[in-house]
């Protein structure tokens, strides 16, 4: 979306932004130089891509628009078929017949900054992999101009973070089976252990989170287990949330994380202040807790290390087995062709 500046600008509209752009301060970036031209860059040139227009995404859009960004493009992942959630948003009818990698690169390269407000880890990883695949190196040295900043926000109930993925929502098998403490443990036990054992709807029938009969069966069994361990709080809604991996959304948490993300966008676009380095944790479950630290890069990361890796397979291994290993254990993305910067040297051993 692009905002019509001629009819909507008025004297003093951007005074709150000018205060950051046109004067120095004790906390500004060491290389920052106040300029009246900085606002023009935000209003007329800087292009922002926001991926995800849910609770967090809507807050982000509002904050970015009020911060002076006019060229904001929005992608809502919920409108995409779930089987191709991680990539279809890049393609249009006119792109039929073109290589996917070329279309994706052309689309992403249009933007100066990308902000994610997603609830899908696969989509996050794919977006991260795409940006990594666009990096260019000269004699092994990264070209800084090929870097497109990615700001990622996530919320779960009264918890949230800025930049990295949401906390893992799976529960340890030992806890759910031997010593449940939470109502979620009871539901997870029924989902993972009791359903495959009892086969309530016949052999080969998997648990369908969208089938009310399946959810009701899990709900009843989870209630029985909760009674055995004196656990309260097992409800139908909770059961459905655990089975379908629904991440609870709280408006206040979305608002806080959206502010954190949009602030980082402003800092990167304007160079007024030093950006976050590089992980912000926010938690208001019991009081208020925030913490910022630098998450260190894994030296042998299969996505960004540029270091070839040796993978050993028996001579009888099939290509499908190799692809499954790569997607499940190494690349962790739905499309093994993206990113294209990871190198693997396969060894067949007897």
C-alpha atoms as a PDB file:
ATOM      1  CA  UNK A   1       0.000   0.000   0.000  1.00  0.00           C
ATOM      2  CA  UNK A   2       1.183   3.522  -0.707  1.00  0.00           C
ATOM      3  CA  UNK A   3      -0.107   6.554   1.151  1.00  0.00           C
ATOM      4  CA  UNK A   4      -1.161   9.598  -0.862  1.00  0.00           C
ATOM      5  CA  UNK A   5       1.034  12.304   0.618  1.00  0.00           C
ATOM      6  CA  UNK A   6      -0.344  15.311  -1.310  1.00  0.00           C
ATOM      7  CA  UNK A   7      -3.815  15.185   0.224  1.00  0.00           C
ATOM      8  CA  UNK A   8      -2.962  13.876   3.658  1.00  0.00           C
ATOM      9  CA  UNK A   9       0.092  15.883   4.684  1.00  0.00           C
ATOM     10  CA  UNK A  10      -0.374  18.915   6.892  1.00  0.00           C
ATOM     11  CA  UNK A  11       1.921  21.260   8.724  1.00  0.00           C
ATOM     12  CA  UNK A  12       3.518  19.530  11.644  1.00  0.00           C
ATOM     13  CA  UNK A  13       2.368  16.029  10.707  1.00  0.00           C
ATOM     14  CA  UNK A  14       5.880  14.571  10.902  1.00  0.00           C
ATOM     15  CA  UNK A  15       7.229  16.739  13.713  1.00  0.00           C
ATOM     16  CA  UNK A  16       7.475  13.726  16.016  1.00  0.00           C
ATOM     17  CA  UNK A  17       9.708  11.980  13.459  1.00  0.00           C
ATOM     18  CA  UNK A  18      11.778  15.073  12.707  1.00  0.00           C
ATOM     19  CA  UNK A  19      12.801  15.253  16.356  1.00  0.00           C
ATOM     20  CA  UNK A  20      14.768  12.034  15.839  1.00  0.00           C
ATOM     21  CA  UNK A  21      16.099  12.830  12.362  1.00  0.00           C
ATOM     22  CA  UNK A  22      17.081  16.480  12.517  1.00  0.00           C
ATOM     23  CA  UNK A  23      18.927  16.846  15.789  1.00  0.00           C
ATOM     24  CA  UNK A  24      21.774  15.037  17.582  1.00  0.00           C
ATOM     25  CA  UNK A  25      21.513  13.349  20.938  1.00  0.00           C
ATOM     26  CA  UNK A  26      23.571  11.439  23.527  1.00  0.00           C
ATOM     27  CA  UNK A  27      22.204   8.052  22.402  1.00  0.00           C
ATOM     28  CA  UNK A  28      22.364   8.449  18.633  1.00  0.00           C
ATOM     29  CA  UNK A  29      24.439   6.228  16.352  1.00  0.00           C
ATOM     30  CA  UNK A  30      28.119   7.300  16.217  1.00  0.00           C
ATOM     31  CA  UNK A  31      27.872   7.739  12.434  1.00  0.00           C
ATOM     32  CA  UNK A  32      24.535   9.565  12.481  1.00  0.00           C
ATOM     33  CA  UNK A  33      24.402  13.044  10.988  1.00  0.00           C
ATOM     34  CA  UNK A  34      21.187  15.057  11.470  1.00  0.00           C
ATOM     35  CA  UNK A  35      19.629  16.016   8.157  1.00  0.00           C
ATOM     36  CA  UNK A  36      16.339  17.372   6.865  1.00  0.00           C
ATOM     37  CA  UNK A  37      16.677  14.986   3.908  1.00  0.00           C
ATOM     38  CA  UNK A  38      16.340  11.867   6.069  1.00  0.00           C
ATOM     39  CA  UNK A  39      12.576  12.280   6.332  1.00  0.00           C
ATOM     40  CA  UNK A  40      12.320  12.440   2.559  1.00  0.00           C
ATOM     41  CA  UNK A  41      14.039   9.061   2.292  1.00  0.00           C
ATOM     42  CA  UNK A  42      11.537   7.476   4.672  1.00  0.00           C
ATOM     43  CA  UNK A  43       8.532   9.064   2.971  1.00  0.00           C
ATOM     44  CA  UNK A  44       9.459   8.655  -0.671  1.00  0.00           C
ATOM     45  CA  UNK A  45      12.148   5.994  -1.114  1.00  0.00           C
ATOM     46  CA  UNK A  46      12.351   3.369   1.622  1.00  0.00           C
ATOM     47  CA  UNK A  47      10.270   0.267   0.835  1.00  0.00           C
ATOM     48  CA  UNK A  48       9.165  -2.096   3.610  1.00  0.00           C
ATOM     49  CA  UNK A  49       7.843  -5.649   3.205  1.00  0.00           C
ATOM     50  CA  UNK A  50       5.633  -6.874   6.060  1.00  0.00           C
ATOM     51  CA  UNK A  51       4.954 -10.618   5.988  1.00  0.00           C
ATOM     52  CA  UNK A  52       1.919 -11.585   8.043  1.00  0.00           C
ATOM     53  CA  UNK A  53      -1.099  -9.338   8.630  1.00  0.00           C
ATOM     54  CA  UNK A  54      -2.529 -10.963  11.745  1.00  0.00           C
ATOM     55  CA  UNK A  55      -2.588  -9.531  15.245  1.00  0.00           C
ATOM     56  CA  UNK A  56       1.116  -8.677  15.293  1.00  0.00           C
ATOM     57  CA  UNK A  57       1.201  -7.660  11.634  1.00  0.00           C
ATOM     58  CA  UNK A  58      -1.655  -5.174  11.983  1.00  0.00           C
ATOM     59  CA  UNK A  59       0.083  -3.506  14.908  1.00  0.00           C
ATOM     60  CA  UNK A  60       3.266  -3.343  12.855  1.00  0.00           C
ATOM     61  CA  UNK A  61       1.496  -1.711   9.915  1.00  0.00           C
ATOM     62  CA  UNK A  62      -0.010   0.973  12.112  1.00  0.00           C
ATOM     63  CA  UNK A  63       3.327   1.748  13.771  1.00  0.00           C
ATOM     64  CA  UNK A  64       5.266   1.831  10.508  1.00  0.00           C
ATOM     65  CA  UNK A  65       2.730   4.134   8.861  1.00  0.00           C
ATOM     66  CA  UNK A  66       2.887   6.533  11.808  1.00  0.00           C
ATOM     67  CA  UNK A  67       6.702   6.441  11.702  1.00  0.00           C
ATOM     68  CA  UNK A  68       6.861   7.943   8.217  1.00  0.00           C
ATOM     69  CA  UNK A  69       7.018   4.876   5.981  1.00  0.00           C
ATOM     70  CA  UNK A  70       4.736   5.237   2.967  1.00  0.00           C
ATOM     71  CA  UNK A  71       5.791   2.377   0.716  1.00  0.00           C
ATOM     72  CA  UNK A  72       4.621  -0.638   2.714  1.00  0.00           C
ATOM     73  CA  UNK A  73       3.841  -3.934   0.977  1.00  0.00           C
ATOM     74  CA  UNK A  74       1.839  -6.528   2.886  1.00  0.00           C
ATOM     75  CA  UNK A  75       1.661 -10.295   2.475  1.00  0.00           C
ATOM     76  CA  UNK A  76      -0.953 -12.202   4.486  1.00  0.00           C
ATOM     77  CA  UNK A  77       0.099 -15.824   4.741  1.00  0.00           C
ATOM     78  CA  UNK A  78      -3.359 -17.045   5.769  1.00  0.00           C
ATOM     79  CA  UNK A  79      -4.652 -16.620   2.232  1.00  0.00           C
ATOM     80  CA  UNK A  80      -2.149 -19.139   0.865  1.00  0.00           C
ATOM     81  CA  UNK A  81      -2.816 -22.868   0.610  1.00  0.00           C
ATOM     82  CA  UNK A  82      -1.318 -24.460   3.718  1.00  0.00           C
ATOM     83  CA  UNK A  83       0.693 -27.024   1.740  1.00  0.00           C
ATOM     84  CA  UNK A  84       2.643 -24.210   0.071  1.00  0.00           C
ATOM     85  CA  UNK A  85       2.450 -21.671   2.864  1.00  0.00           C
ATOM     86  CA  UNK A  86       6.120 -20.890   2.724  1.00  0.00           C
ATOM     87  CA  UNK A  87       6.470 -19.779  -0.883  1.00  0.00           C
ATOM     88  CA  UNK A  88       3.339 -19.231  -2.957  1.00  0.00           C
ATOM     89  CA  UNK A  89       2.931 -15.620  -1.910  1.00  0.00           C
ATOM     90  CA  UNK A  90       5.862 -14.684  -4.140  1.00  0.00           C
ATOM     91  CA  UNK A  91       4.368 -15.898  -7.405  1.00  0.00           C
ATOM     92  CA  UNK A  92       1.776 -14.461  -9.804  1.00  0.00           C
ATOM     93  CA  UNK A  93       0.133 -15.699 -13.002  1.00  0.00           C
ATOM     94  CA  UNK A  94       2.594 -13.712 -15.108  1.00  0.00           C
ATOM     95  CA  UNK A  95       5.448 -15.704 -13.551  1.00  0.00           C
ATOM     96  CA  UNK A  96       4.298 -19.082 -14.902  1.00  0.00           C
ATOM     97  CA  UNK A  97       7.206 -20.770 -16.635  1.00  0.00           C
ATOM     98  CA  UNK A  98       9.899 -18.707 -14.925  1.00  0.00           C
ATOM     99  CA  UNK A  99      12.341 -20.301 -12.466  1.00  0.00           C
ATOM    100  CA  UNK A 100      11.041 -19.962  -8.923  1.00  0.00           C
ATOM    101  CA  UNK A 101      14.407 -18.820  -7.621  1.00  0.00           C
ATOM    102  CA  UNK A 102      14.529 -15.942 -10.115  1.00  0.00           C
ATOM    103  CA  UNK A 103      11.004 -14.750  -9.318  1.00  0.00           C
ATOM    104  CA  UNK A 104      11.601 -14.941  -5.576  1.00  0.00           C
ATOM    105  CA  UNK A 105      14.890 -13.071  -5.815  1.00  0.00           C
ATOM    106  CA  UNK A 106      13.379 -10.317  -7.968  1.00  0.00           C
ATOM    107  CA  UNK A 107      10.507  -9.841  -5.524  1.00  0.00           C
ATOM    108  CA  UNK A 108      12.540  -9.776  -2.329  1.00  0.00           C
ATOM    109  CA  UNK A 109      15.254  -7.571  -3.794  1.00  0.00           C
ATOM    110  CA  UNK A 110      12.736  -4.766  -4.289  1.00  0.00           C
ATOM    111  CA  UNK A 111      12.710  -4.004  -0.570  1.00  0.00           C
ATOM    112  CA  UNK A 112      15.088  -2.270   1.800  1.00  0.00           C
ATOM    113  CA  UNK A 113      13.838  -3.955   4.992  1.00  0.00           C
ATOM    114  CA  UNK A 114      11.662  -7.012   5.673  1.00  0.00           C
ATOM    115  CA  UNK A 115       9.552  -7.464   8.805  1.00  0.00           C
ATOM    116  CA  UNK A 116       7.923 -10.778   9.759  1.00  0.00           C
ATOM    117  CA  UNK A 117       4.904 -11.188  12.001  1.00  0.00           C
ATOM    118  CA  UNK A 118       4.283 -14.860  11.256  1.00  0.00           C
ATOM    119  CA  UNK A 119       2.981 -17.829  13.230  1.00  0.00           C
ATOM    120  CA  UNK A 120       4.739 -20.441  11.067  1.00  0.00           C
ATOM    121  CA  UNK A 121       8.309 -21.558  11.737  1.00  0.00           C
ATOM    122  CA  UNK A 122       8.565 -23.109   8.261  1.00  0.00           C
ATOM    123  CA  UNK A 123       7.698 -19.771   6.671  1.00  0.00           C
ATOM    124  CA  UNK A 124      10.243 -18.000   8.900  1.00  0.00           C
ATOM    125  CA  UNK A 125      13.001 -20.431   7.981  1.00  0.00           C
ATOM    126  CA  UNK A 126      12.200 -20.197   4.293  1.00  0.00           C
ATOM    127  CA  UNK A 127      12.248 -16.403   4.383  1.00  0.00           C
ATOM    128  CA  UNK A 128      15.553 -16.494   6.251  1.00  0.00           C
ATOM    129  CA  UNK A 129      16.946 -18.967   3.727  1.00  0.00           C
ATOM    130  CA  UNK A 130      15.814 -16.812   0.821  1.00  0.00           C
ATOM    131  CA  UNK A 131      17.618 -13.760   2.198  1.00  0.00           C
ATOM    132  CA  UNK A 132      20.747 -15.838   2.783  1.00  0.00           C
ATOM    133  CA  UNK A 133      20.626 -17.112  -0.805  1.00  0.00           C
ATOM    134  CA  UNK A 134      20.642 -13.506  -2.062  1.00  0.00           C
ATOM    135  CA  UNK A 135      23.955 -12.727  -0.354  1.00  0.00           C
ATOM    136  CA  UNK A 136      26.904 -12.254  -2.663  1.00  0.00           C
ATOM    137  CA  UNK A 137      30.556 -12.950  -1.911  1.00  0.00           C
ATOM    138  CA  UNK A 138      33.719 -11.751  -3.590  1.00  0.00           C
ATOM    139  CA  UNK A 139      36.815 -13.827  -2.872  1.00  0.00           C
ATOM    140  CA  UNK A 140      35.067 -15.236   0.185  1.00  0.00           C
ATOM    141  CA  UNK A 141      34.200 -11.801   1.598  1.00  0.00           C
ATOM    142  CA  UNK A 142      30.548 -10.884   2.055  1.00  0.00           C
ATOM    143  CA  UNK A 143      29.289  -7.909   0.076  1.00  0.00           C
ATOM    144  CA  UNK A 144      27.445  -5.734   2.652  1.00  0.00           C
ATOM    145  CA  UNK A 145      25.261  -4.178  -0.054  1.00  0.00           C
ATOM    146  CA  UNK A 146      23.611  -7.564  -0.666  1.00  0.00           C
ATOM    147  CA  UNK A 147      22.255  -7.747   2.893  1.00  0.00           C
ATOM    148  CA  UNK A 148      18.529  -7.089   3.360  1.00  0.00           C
ATOM    149  CA  UNK A 149      17.752  -6.659   7.086  1.00  0.00           C
ATOM    150  CA  UNK A 150      15.130  -9.072   8.476  1.00  0.00           C
ATOM    151  CA  UNK A 151      13.263  -8.130  11.653  1.00  0.00           C
ATOM    152  CA  UNK A 152      11.177 -10.947  13.089  1.00  0.00           C
ATOM    153  CA  UNK A 153       8.663 -10.688  15.908  1.00  0.00           C
ATOM    154  CA  UNK A 154       6.731 -13.420  17.671  1.00  0.00           C
ATOM    155  CA  UNK A 155       4.127 -13.511  20.425  1.00  0.00           C
ATOM    156  CA  UNK A 156       2.589 -16.300  22.489  1.00  0.00           C
ATOM    157  CA  UNK A 157       0.088 -15.321  25.137  1.00  0.00           C
ATOM    158  CA  UNK A 158       1.828 -12.903  27.498  1.00  0.00           C
ATOM    159  CA  UNK A 159       5.283 -13.663  26.081  1.00  0.00           C
ATOM    160  CA  UNK A 160       7.012 -12.292  23.047  1.00  0.00           C
ATOM    161  CA  UNK A 161      10.362 -11.754  21.396  1.00  0.00           C
ATOM    162  CA  UNK A 162      11.923  -9.591  18.759  1.00  0.00           C
ATOM    163  CA  UNK A 163      14.083 -11.057  15.996  1.00  0.00           C
ATOM    164  CA  UNK A 164      14.121 -14.798  16.742  1.00  0.00           C
ATOM    165  CA  UNK A 165      11.553 -17.575  16.538  1.00  0.00           C
ATOM    166  CA  UNK A 166       8.859 -18.171  19.268  1.00  0.00           C
ATOM    167  CA  UNK A 167       9.581 -20.676  22.045  1.00  0.00           C
ATOM    168  CA  UNK A 168       9.177 -24.342  21.218  1.00  0.00           C
ATOM    169  CA  UNK A 169       5.628 -25.521  21.889  1.00  0.00           C
ATOM    170  CA  UNK A 170       6.238 -29.276  22.019  1.00  0.00           C
ATOM    171  CA  UNK A 171       6.375 -30.990  25.409  1.00  0.00           C
ATOM    172  CA  UNK A 172       8.997 -33.560  26.556  1.00  0.00           C
ATOM    173  CA  UNK A 173       7.756 -37.121  26.098  1.00  0.00           C
ATOM    174  CA  UNK A 174       9.040 -38.166  29.534  1.00  0.00           C
ATOM    175  CA  UNK A 175       7.106 -35.412  31.282  1.00  0.00           C
ATOM    176  CA  UNK A 176       3.838 -36.083  29.495  1.00  0.00           C
ATOM    177  CA  UNK A 177       4.030 -39.841  30.090  1.00  0.00           C
ATOM    178  CA  UNK A 178       5.434 -40.135  33.613  1.00  0.00           C
ATOM    179  CA  UNK A 179       4.973 -36.914  35.540  1.00  0.00           C
ATOM    180  CA  UNK A 180       2.424 -34.509  34.016  1.00  0.00           C
ATOM    181  CA  UNK A 181       2.201 -31.145  35.757  1.00  0.00           C
ATOM    182  CA  UNK A 182       0.170 -29.025  33.366  1.00  0.00           C
ATOM    183  CA  UNK A 183      -3.181 -29.533  31.604  1.00  0.00           C
ATOM    184  CA  UNK A 184      -1.254 -29.337  28.317  1.00  0.00           C
ATOM    185  CA  UNK A 185       0.727 -32.416  29.376  1.00  0.00           C
ATOM    186  CA  UNK A 186      -2.501 -34.408  29.700  1.00  0.00           C
ATOM    187  CA  UNK A 187      -3.664 -33.432  26.237  1.00  0.00           C
ATOM    188  CA  UNK A 188      -0.258 -34.115  24.731  1.00  0.00           C
ATOM    189  CA  UNK A 189      -0.170 -37.577  26.324  1.00  0.00           C
ATOM    190  CA  UNK A 190      -3.488 -38.484  24.729  1.00  0.00           C
ATOM    191  CA  UNK A 191      -2.427 -37.048  21.379  1.00  0.00           C
ATOM    192  CA  UNK A 192       0.975 -38.721  21.207  1.00  0.00           C
ATOM    193  CA  UNK A 193       0.469 -42.004  23.075  1.00  0.00           C
ATOM    194  CA  UNK A 194      -3.142 -42.883  23.764  1.00  0.00           C
ATOM    195  CA  UNK A 195      -4.572 -42.085  20.335  1.00  0.00           C
ATOM    196  CA  UNK A 196      -2.155 -44.387  18.420  1.00  0.00           C
ATOM    197  CA  UNK A 197      -2.708 -47.116  21.036  1.00  0.00           C
ATOM    198  CA  UNK A 198      -6.520 -47.036  21.293  1.00  0.00           C
ATOM    199  CA  UNK A 199      -7.231 -46.207  17.627  1.00  0.00           C
ATOM    200  CA  UNK A 200     -10.680 -44.841  18.560  1.00  0.00           C
ATOM    201  CA  UNK A 201     -11.798 -44.312  14.958  1.00  0.00           C
ATOM    202  CA  UNK A 202     -10.175 -47.369  13.382  1.00  0.00           C
ATOM    203  CA  UNK A 203      -6.795 -48.392  12.011  1.00  0.00           C
ATOM    204  CA  UNK A 204      -4.990 -45.809   9.958  1.00  0.00           C
ATOM    205  CA  UNK A 205      -7.182 -42.886  11.047  1.00  0.00           C
ATOM    206  CA  UNK A 206      -4.970 -40.040  12.176  1.00  0.00           C
ATOM    207  CA  UNK A 207      -5.952 -37.349  14.627  1.00  0.00           C
ATOM    208  CA  UNK A 208      -7.617 -34.474  12.777  1.00  0.00           C
ATOM    209  CA  UNK A 209      -7.549 -31.182  14.659  1.00  0.00           C
ATOM    210  CA  UNK A 210     -10.440 -29.883  12.549  1.00  0.00           C
ATOM    211  CA  UNK A 211     -12.717 -32.847  13.344  1.00  0.00           C
ATOM    212  CA  UNK A 212     -14.945 -32.040  16.377  1.00  0.00           C
ATOM    213  CA  UNK A 213     -15.427 -35.748  17.155  1.00  0.00           C
ATOM    214  CA  UNK A 214     -11.677 -36.308  17.333  1.00  0.00           C
ATOM    215  CA  UNK A 215     -11.143 -33.253  19.541  1.00  0.00           C
ATOM    216  CA  UNK A 216     -13.990 -34.298  21.844  1.00  0.00           C
ATOM    217  CA  UNK A 217     -12.491 -37.779  22.280  1.00  0.00           C
ATOM    218  CA  UNK A 218      -9.081 -36.337  23.141  1.00  0.00           C
ATOM    219  CA  UNK A 219     -10.751 -33.853  25.494  1.00  0.00           C
ATOM    220  CA  UNK A 220     -12.535 -36.615  27.436  1.00  0.00           C
ATOM    221  CA  UNK A 221      -9.413 -38.783  27.745  1.00  0.00           C
ATOM    222  CA  UNK A 222      -7.327 -35.771  28.799  1.00  0.00           C
ATOM    223  CA  UNK A 223      -9.880 -34.922  31.493  1.00  0.00           C
ATOM    224  CA  UNK A 224      -9.670 -38.470  32.850  1.00  0.00           C
ATOM    225  CA  UNK A 225      -5.873 -38.284  33.024  1.00  0.00           C
ATOM    226  CA  UNK A 226      -6.039 -34.854  34.644  1.00  0.00           C
ATOM    227  CA  UNK A 227      -8.290 -36.240  37.397  1.00  0.00           C
ATOM    228  CA  UNK A 228      -5.807 -39.060  38.063  1.00  0.00           C
ATOM    229  CA  UNK A 229      -3.004 -36.537  38.627  1.00  0.00           C
ATOM    230  CA  UNK A 230      -5.110 -33.839  40.340  1.00  0.00           C
ATOM    231  CA  UNK A 231      -4.575 -31.390  37.500  1.00  0.00           C
ATOM    232  CA  UNK A 232      -7.157 -28.736  36.680  1.00  0.00           C
ATOM    233  CA  UNK A 233      -7.640 -26.574  33.616  1.00  0.00           C
ATOM    234  CA  UNK A 234      -8.302 -29.112  30.855  1.00  0.00           C
ATOM    235  CA  UNK A 235     -10.914 -27.464  28.626  1.00  0.00           C
ATOM    236  CA  UNK A 236     -12.190 -28.131  25.126  1.00  0.00           C
ATOM    237  CA  UNK A 237     -10.569 -24.947  23.874  1.00  0.00           C
ATOM    238  CA  UNK A 238      -7.229 -25.848  25.455  1.00  0.00           C
ATOM    239  CA  UNK A 239      -7.426 -29.326  23.943  1.00  0.00           C
ATOM    240  CA  UNK A 240      -8.039 -27.913  20.496  1.00  0.00           C
ATOM    241  CA  UNK A 241      -5.197 -25.450  20.922  1.00  0.00           C
ATOM    242  CA  UNK A 242      -2.677 -28.142  21.901  1.00  0.00           C
ATOM    243  CA  UNK A 243      -3.762 -30.531  19.136  1.00  0.00           C
ATOM    244  CA  UNK A 244      -3.709 -27.855  16.430  1.00  0.00           C
ATOM    245  CA  UNK A 245      -0.669 -26.054  17.880  1.00  0.00           C
ATOM    246  CA  UNK A 246      -2.667 -22.833  18.135  1.00  0.00           C
ATOM    247  CA  UNK A 247      -0.536 -20.012  19.507  1.00  0.00           C
ATOM    248  CA  UNK A 248      -2.624 -17.815  21.821  1.00  0.00           C
ATOM    249  CA  UNK A 249      -2.660 -14.137  20.956  1.00  0.00           C
ATOM    250  CA  UNK A 250      -2.930 -11.306  23.459  1.00  0.00           C
ATOM    251  CA  UNK A 251      -3.461  -7.794  22.100  1.00  0.00           C
ATOM    252  CA  UNK A 252      -1.166  -6.119  24.621  1.00  0.00           C
ATOM    253  CA  UNK A 253       1.702  -8.499  23.814  1.00  0.00           C
ATOM    254  CA  UNK A 254       1.221  -7.917  20.091  1.00  0.00           C
ATOM    255  CA  UNK A 255       1.348  -4.171  20.689  1.00  0.00           C
ATOM    256  CA  UNK A 256       4.606  -4.313  22.672  1.00  0.00           C
ATOM    257  CA  UNK A 257       6.436  -6.587  20.219  1.00  0.00           C
ATOM    258  CA  UNK A 258       5.123  -4.569  17.264  1.00  0.00           C
ATOM    259  CA  UNK A 259       6.593  -1.430  18.814  1.00  0.00           C
ATOM    260  CA  UNK A 260       9.932  -3.201  19.304  1.00  0.00           C
ATOM    261  CA  UNK A 261       9.990  -4.402  15.683  1.00  0.00           C
ATOM    262  CA  UNK A 262       8.888  -1.103  14.150  1.00  0.00           C
ATOM    263  CA  UNK A 263      11.464   0.734  16.264  1.00  0.00           C
ATOM    264  CA  UNK A 264      14.192  -1.472  14.802  1.00  0.00           C
ATOM    265  CA  UNK A 265      12.894  -0.752  11.300  1.00  0.00           C
ATOM    266  CA  UNK A 266      13.105   2.978  11.989  1.00  0.00           C
ATOM    267  CA  UNK A 267      16.618   2.690  13.426  1.00  0.00           C
ATOM    268  CA  UNK A 268      17.896   0.696  10.455  1.00  0.00           C
ATOM    269  CA  UNK A 269      16.215   2.892   7.839  1.00  0.00           C
ATOM    270  CA  UNK A 270      17.320   6.188   9.387  1.00  0.00           C
ATOM    271  CA  UNK A 271      20.615   5.169  11.055  1.00  0.00           C
ATOM    272  CA  UNK A 272      19.656   7.388  13.971  1.00  0.00           C
ATOM    273  CA  UNK A 273      20.334   4.854  16.721  1.00  0.00           C
ATOM    274  CA  UNK A 274      22.288   1.630  17.162  1.00  0.00           C
ATOM    275  CA  UNK A 275      20.044  -1.354  16.274  1.00  0.00           C
ATOM    276  CA  UNK A 276      19.168  -4.128  18.680  1.00  0.00           C
ATOM    277  CA  UNK A 277      21.979  -6.631  19.246  1.00  0.00           C
ATOM    278  CA  UNK A 278      20.185  -8.869  18.775  1.00  0.00           C
ATOM    279  CA  UNK A 279      17.542 -10.750  20.839  1.00  0.00           C
ATOM    280  CA  UNK A 280      14.812  -9.190  22.952  1.00  0.00           C
ATOM    281  CA  UNK A 281      12.731 -11.310  25.354  1.00  0.00           C
ATOM    282  CA  UNK A 282       9.446  -9.992  26.764  1.00  0.00           C
ATOM    283  CA  UNK A 283       7.371 -11.794  29.406  1.00  0.00           C
ATOM    284  CA  UNK A 284       4.431 -10.525  31.486  1.00  0.00           C
ATOM    285  CA  UNK A 285       3.110 -13.864  32.752  1.00  0.00           C
ATOM    286  CA  UNK A 286       4.249 -13.113  36.324  1.00  0.00           C
ATOM    287  CA  UNK A 287       4.955  -9.401  36.557  1.00  0.00           C
ATOM    288  CA  UNK A 288       7.083  -7.718  33.901  1.00  0.00           C
ATOM    289  CA  UNK A 289      10.319  -9.171  32.556  1.00  0.00           C
ATOM    290  CA  UNK A 290      12.449  -8.009  29.634  1.00  0.00           C
ATOM    291  CA  UNK A 291      15.936  -9.087  28.688  1.00  0.00           C
ATOM    292  CA  UNK A 292      18.223  -8.327  25.764  1.00  0.00           C
ATOM    293  CA  UNK A 293      21.310 -10.305  24.799  1.00  0.00           C
ATOM    294  CA  UNK A 294      23.417 -11.167  21.780  1.00  0.00           C
ATOM    295  CA  UNK A 295      22.522 -14.540  20.290  1.00  0.00           C
ATOM    296  CA  UNK A 296      25.753 -15.966  18.896  1.00  0.00           C
ATOM    297  CA  UNK A 297      26.041 -17.325  15.397  1.00  0.00           C
ATOM    298  CA  UNK A 298      26.665 -21.060  15.037  1.00  0.00           C
ATOM    299  CA  UNK A 299      29.938 -21.450  13.172  1.00  0.00           C
ATOM    300  CA  UNK A 300      28.872 -24.572  11.257  1.00  0.00           C
ATOM    301  CA  UNK A 301      25.300 -23.434  10.580  1.00  0.00           C
ATOM    302  CA  UNK A 302      24.065 -25.309   7.514  1.00  0.00           C
ATOM    303  CA  UNK A 303      22.261 -22.193   6.265  1.00  0.00           C
ATOM    304  CA  UNK A 304      24.826 -19.407   6.517  1.00  0.00           C
ATOM    305  CA  UNK A 305      28.280 -20.844   7.291  1.00  0.00           C
ATOM    306  CA  UNK A 306      29.274 -21.422   3.635  1.00  0.00           C
ATOM    307  CA  UNK A 307      31.205 -24.470   4.871  1.00  0.00           C
ATOM    308  CA  UNK A 308      30.731 -27.712   2.873  1.00  0.00           C
ATOM    309  CA  UNK A 309      29.502 -30.612   4.982  1.00  0.00           C
ATOM    310  CA  UNK A 310      30.177 -34.330   4.592  1.00  0.00           C
ATOM    311  CA  UNK A 311      27.090 -36.538   4.769  1.00  0.00           C
ATOM    312  CA  UNK A 312      27.500 -40.311   4.746  1.00  0.00           C
ATOM    313  CA  UNK A 313      24.897 -42.713   3.357  1.00  0.00           C
ATOM    314  CA  UNK A 314      25.019 -46.445   2.578  1.00  0.00           C
ATOM    315  CA  UNK A 315      25.367 -47.457  -1.110  1.00  0.00           C
ATOM    316  CA  UNK A 316      21.750 -48.674  -1.069  1.00  0.00           C
ATOM    317  CA  UNK A 317      20.398 -45.243  -0.095  1.00  0.00           C
ATOM    318  CA  UNK A 318      17.786 -43.804  -2.427  1.00  0.00           C
ATOM    319  CA  UNK A 319      17.579 -40.206  -3.547  1.00  0.00           C
ATOM    320  CA  UNK A 320      14.319 -39.780  -1.618  1.00  0.00           C
ATOM    321  CA  UNK A 321      16.079 -40.760   1.614  1.00  0.00           C
ATOM    322  CA  UNK A 322      18.775 -38.155   1.008  1.00  0.00           C
ATOM    323  CA  UNK A 323      16.202 -35.445   0.323  1.00  0.00           C
ATOM    324  CA  UNK A 324      14.215 -36.367   3.423  1.00  0.00           C
ATOM    325  CA  UNK A 325      17.348 -36.205   5.554  1.00  0.00           C
ATOM    326  CA  UNK A 326      18.270 -32.791   4.188  1.00  0.00           C
ATOM    327  CA  UNK A 327      14.830 -31.265   4.676  1.00  0.00           C
ATOM    328  CA  UNK A 328      14.224 -32.803   8.106  1.00  0.00           C
ATOM    329  CA  UNK A 329      17.675 -32.577   9.679  1.00  0.00           C
ATOM    330  CA  UNK A 330      19.740 -29.996   7.830  1.00  0.00           C
ATOM    331  CA  UNK A 331      17.828 -27.430   5.802  1.00  0.00           C
ATOM    332  CA  UNK A 332      14.581 -27.655   7.800  1.00  0.00           C
ATOM    333  CA  UNK A 333      12.654 -25.993   4.976  1.00  0.00           C
ATOM    334  CA  UNK A 334       9.874 -27.315   2.766  1.00  0.00           C
ATOM    335  CA  UNK A 335      11.731 -26.754  -0.509  1.00  0.00           C
ATOM    336  CA  UNK A 336      15.127 -28.417  -0.742  1.00  0.00           C
ATOM    337  CA  UNK A 337      16.076 -26.114  -3.654  1.00  0.00           C
ATOM    338  CA  UNK A 338      15.984 -23.036  -1.392  1.00  0.00           C
ATOM    339  CA  UNK A 339      18.306 -21.749  -0.096  1.00  0.00           C
ATOM    340  CA  UNK A 340      20.849 -22.593  -2.789  1.00  0.00           C
ATOM    341  CA  UNK A 341      23.964 -21.546  -0.890  1.00  0.00           C
ATOM    342  CA  UNK A 342      24.353 -24.707   1.199  1.00  0.00           C
ATOM    343  CA  UNK A 343      26.903 -27.237  -0.044  1.00  0.00           C
ATOM    344  CA  UNK A 344      26.801 -30.916   0.856  1.00  0.00           C
ATOM    345  CA  UNK A 345      29.321 -33.542  -0.171  1.00  0.00           C
ATOM    346  CA  UNK A 346      27.661 -36.950  -0.185  1.00  0.00           C
ATOM    347  CA  UNK A 347      29.659 -40.073   0.684  1.00  0.00           C
ATOM    348  CA  UNK A 348      28.353 -43.591   0.073  1.00  0.00           C
ATOM    349  CA  UNK A 349      29.919 -45.994   2.575  1.00  0.00           C
ATOM    350  CA  UNK A 350      29.609 -49.740   2.819  1.00  0.00           C
END
